[in-house]
Amino acid sequence: MSDAVFNEQAFYSHLGGDTELGAEILKVYMVDAPARAKALAEALTSDDKDLAVKYSHALKGISATIRANSMALIAERIEQVSRKGDLESARTYMPEVETELEAVLEAVQNYLNK
């Protein structure tokens, strides 16, 4: 599994090797991350700065938790420009969100199916 997408080793190291807890967190991510990304896209479409900040921050946090570092970085960029009110720039990152999230979800699903 690519560390660039989902760093399994760092994730489980942070959890003290608790694979049962890790699996539960990953299952939550599979549902929560797409919902956050969709809500973020809707916030950006409707020019809602506060919700864009909220959902980009949430997506950053849950992605960082599972050590999906690239996804967390993209969400952080969106959060930063959204806080400044630059939703036009924030929208330019959404194709990256979609591509990276798809890769993370695939990697996590493959891991869970082991």
C-alpha atoms as a PDB file:
ATOM      1  CA  MET A   1       0.000   0.000   0.000  1.00  0.00           C
ATOM      2  CA  SER A   2       1.324   3.411  -0.921  1.00  0.00           C
ATOM      3  CA  ASP A   3       2.383   5.524   2.026  1.00  0.00           C
ATOM      4  CA  ALA A   4       1.480   8.567  -0.076  1.00  0.00           C
ATOM      5  CA  VAL A   5      -2.179   7.544   0.007  1.00  0.00           C
ATOM      6  CA  PHE A   6      -2.611   5.857   3.395  1.00  0.00           C
ATOM      7  CA  ASN A   7       0.345   5.289   5.701  1.00  0.00           C
ATOM      8  CA  GLU A   8      -0.799   2.094   7.373  1.00  0.00           C
ATOM      9  CA  GLN A   9       2.358   1.715   9.453  1.00  0.00           C
ATOM     10  CA  ALA A  10       2.189   5.253  10.900  1.00  0.00           C
ATOM     11  CA  PHE A  11      -1.540   4.904  11.550  1.00  0.00           C
ATOM     12  CA  TYR A  12      -1.194   1.686  13.541  1.00  0.00           C
ATOM     13  CA  SER A  13       1.918   2.893  15.299  1.00  0.00           C
ATOM     14  CA  HIS A  14      -0.076   5.881  16.556  1.00  0.00           C
ATOM     15  CA  LEU A  15      -2.729   3.462  17.837  1.00  0.00           C
ATOM     16  CA  GLY A  16      -0.186   1.327  19.655  1.00  0.00           C
ATOM     17  CA  GLY A  17      -0.785  -1.493  17.194  1.00  0.00           C
ATOM     18  CA  ASP A  18      -4.487  -1.856  18.093  1.00  0.00           C
ATOM     19  CA  THR A  19      -5.763  -3.364  14.840  1.00  0.00           C
ATOM     20  CA  GLU A  20      -9.338  -3.706  16.083  1.00  0.00           C
ATOM     21  CA  LEU A  21      -9.570   0.002  16.907  1.00  0.00           C
ATOM     22  CA  GLY A  22      -7.831   0.842  13.652  1.00  0.00           C
ATOM     23  CA  ALA A  23     -10.340  -1.134  11.616  1.00  0.00           C
ATOM     24  CA  GLU A  24     -13.224   0.670  13.314  1.00  0.00           C
ATOM     25  CA  ILE A  25     -11.670   4.066  12.615  1.00  0.00           C
ATOM     26  CA  LEU A  26     -11.090   3.122   8.982  1.00  0.00           C
ATOM     27  CA  LYS A  27     -14.698   1.997   8.589  1.00  0.00           C
ATOM     28  CA  VAL A  28     -15.862   5.354   9.940  1.00  0.00           C
ATOM     29  CA  TYR A  29     -13.529   7.129   7.511  1.00  0.00           C
ATOM     30  CA  MET A  30     -15.070   5.234   4.578  1.00  0.00           C
ATOM     31  CA  VAL A  31     -18.448   6.800   5.387  1.00  0.00           C
ATOM     32  CA  ASP A  32     -17.443  10.113   6.898  1.00  0.00           C
ATOM     33  CA  ALA A  33     -14.795  11.338   4.442  1.00  0.00           C
ATOM     34  CA  PRO A  34     -17.036  11.190   1.352  1.00  0.00           C
ATOM     35  CA  ALA A  35     -19.813  12.930   3.289  1.00  0.00           C
ATOM     36  CA  ARG A  36     -17.422  15.702   4.366  1.00  0.00           C
ATOM     37  CA  ALA A  37     -16.090  16.097   0.825  1.00  0.00           C
ATOM     38  CA  LYS A  38     -19.618  16.338  -0.569  1.00  0.00           C
ATOM     39  CA  ALA A  39     -20.605  18.905   2.060  1.00  0.00           C
ATOM     40  CA  LEU A  40     -17.434  20.868   1.272  1.00  0.00           C
ATOM     41  CA  ALA A  41     -18.244  20.900  -2.433  1.00  0.00           C
ATOM     42  CA  GLU A  42     -21.770  22.097  -1.678  1.00  0.00           C
ATOM     43  CA  ALA A  43     -20.457  24.840   0.607  1.00  0.00           C
ATOM     44  CA  LEU A  44     -18.086  26.047  -2.094  1.00  0.00           C
ATOM     45  CA  THR A  45     -20.830  25.936  -4.730  1.00  0.00           C
ATOM     46  CA  SER A  46     -23.088  28.047  -2.535  1.00  0.00           C
ATOM     47  CA  ASP A  47     -20.245  30.439  -1.580  1.00  0.00           C
ATOM     48  CA  ASP A  48     -20.614  29.637   2.115  1.00  0.00           C
ATOM     49  CA  LYS A  49     -17.243  30.557   3.600  1.00  0.00           C
ATOM     50  CA  ASP A  50     -18.043  29.345   7.126  1.00  0.00           C
ATOM     51  CA  LEU A  51     -19.172  25.904   5.969  1.00  0.00           C
ATOM     52  CA  ALA A  52     -16.232  25.640   3.572  1.00  0.00           C
ATOM     53  CA  VAL A  53     -13.880  26.237   6.499  1.00  0.00           C
ATOM     54  CA  LYS A  54     -15.804  23.809   8.692  1.00  0.00           C
ATOM     55  CA  TYR A  55     -15.872  20.925   6.216  1.00  0.00           C
ATOM     56  CA  SER A  56     -12.333  21.388   4.906  1.00  0.00           C
ATOM     57  CA  HIS A  57     -11.101  21.402   8.507  1.00  0.00           C
ATOM     58  CA  ALA A  58     -13.091  18.247   9.266  1.00  0.00           C
ATOM     59  CA  LEU A  59     -11.817  16.486   6.143  1.00  0.00           C
ATOM     60  CA  LYS A  60      -8.263  17.506   7.039  1.00  0.00           C
ATOM     61  CA  GLY A  61      -8.637  16.128  10.551  1.00  0.00           C
ATOM     62  CA  ILE A  62     -10.121  12.766   9.687  1.00  0.00           C
ATOM     63  CA  SER A  63      -7.603  12.291   6.884  1.00  0.00           C
ATOM     64  CA  ALA A  64      -4.690  13.156   9.163  1.00  0.00           C
ATOM     65  CA  THR A  65      -6.043  10.689  11.729  1.00  0.00           C
ATOM     66  CA  ILE A  66      -5.651   7.761   9.340  1.00  0.00           C
ATOM     67  CA  ARG A  67      -2.388   9.189   8.004  1.00  0.00           C
ATOM     68  CA  ALA A  68      -3.804   9.954   4.542  1.00  0.00           C
ATOM     69  CA  ASN A  69      -1.299  12.774   4.397  1.00  0.00           C
ATOM     70  CA  SER A  70      -1.847  14.007   0.839  1.00  0.00           C
ATOM     71  CA  MET A  71      -5.598  14.201   1.397  1.00  0.00           C
ATOM     72  CA  ALA A  72      -5.055  16.091   4.645  1.00  0.00           C
ATOM     73  CA  LEU A  73      -2.710  18.537   2.910  1.00  0.00           C
ATOM     74  CA  ILE A  74      -5.198  19.306   0.127  1.00  0.00           C
ATOM     75  CA  ALA A  75      -7.958  19.868   2.688  1.00  0.00           C
ATOM     76  CA  GLU A  76      -5.642  22.125   4.676  1.00  0.00           C
ATOM     77  CA  ARG A  77      -4.964  24.251   1.594  1.00  0.00           C
ATOM     78  CA  ILE A  78      -8.701  24.622   1.042  1.00  0.00           C
ATOM     79  CA  GLU A  79      -9.180  25.554   4.682  1.00  0.00           C
ATOM     80  CA  GLN A  80      -6.466  28.205   4.503  1.00  0.00           C
ATOM     81  CA  VAL A  81      -7.796  29.958   1.407  1.00  0.00           C
ATOM     82  CA  SER A  82     -11.387  29.636   2.609  1.00  0.00           C
ATOM     83  CA  ARG A  83     -10.515  31.358   5.879  1.00  0.00           C
ATOM     84  CA  LYS A  84      -9.277  34.275   3.766  1.00  0.00           C
ATOM     85  CA  GLY A  85     -12.573  34.285   1.878  1.00  0.00           C
ATOM     86  CA  ASP A  86     -10.980  33.132  -1.378  1.00  0.00           C
ATOM     87  CA  LEU A  87     -13.550  30.511  -2.312  1.00  0.00           C
ATOM     88  CA  GLU A  88     -12.636  30.780  -5.975  1.00  0.00           C
ATOM     89  CA  SER A  89      -9.168  29.425  -5.177  1.00  0.00           C
ATOM     90  CA  ALA A  90     -10.671  26.852  -2.829  1.00  0.00           C
ATOM     91  CA  ARG A  91     -12.848  25.529  -5.653  1.00  0.00           C
ATOM     92  CA  THR A  92      -9.773  24.921  -7.810  1.00  0.00           C
ATOM     93  CA  TYR A  93      -8.657  22.223  -5.346  1.00  0.00           C
ATOM     94  CA  MET A  94     -11.853  20.183  -5.588  1.00  0.00           C
ATOM     95  CA  PRO A  95     -10.694  18.000  -8.511  1.00  0.00           C
ATOM     96  CA  GLU A  96      -7.672  17.052  -6.384  1.00  0.00           C
ATOM     97  CA  VAL A  97      -9.985  16.260  -3.469  1.00  0.00           C
ATOM     98  CA  GLU A  98     -12.033  13.932  -5.654  1.00  0.00           C
ATOM     99  CA  THR A  99      -9.003  12.169  -7.138  1.00  0.00           C
ATOM    100  CA  GLU A 100      -7.118  11.795  -3.867  1.00  0.00           C
ATOM    101  CA  LEU A 101     -10.173  10.756  -1.873  1.00  0.00           C
ATOM    102  CA  GLU A 102     -10.959   8.066  -4.418  1.00  0.00           C
ATOM    103  CA  ALA A 103      -7.399   6.743  -4.072  1.00  0.00           C
ATOM    104  CA  VAL A 104      -7.555   6.811  -0.262  1.00  0.00           C
ATOM    105  CA  LEU A 105     -10.921   5.066  -0.155  1.00  0.00           C
ATOM    106  CA  GLU A 106      -9.667   2.379  -2.526  1.00  0.00           C
ATOM    107  CA  ALA A 107      -6.502   1.855  -0.458  1.00  0.00           C
ATOM    108  CA  VAL A 108      -8.446   1.681   2.802  1.00  0.00           C
ATOM    109  CA  GLN A 109     -11.038  -0.682   1.329  1.00  0.00           C
ATOM    110  CA  ASN A 110      -8.274  -2.953   0.005  1.00  0.00           C
ATOM    111  CA  TYR A 111      -6.666  -2.933   3.451  1.00  0.00           C
ATOM    112  CA  LEU A 112      -9.961  -3.748   5.180  1.00  0.00           C
ATOM    113  CA  ASN A 113     -10.585  -6.602   2.741  1.00  0.00           C
ATOM    114  CA  LYS A 114      -7.300  -8.352   3.706  1.00  0.00           C
END
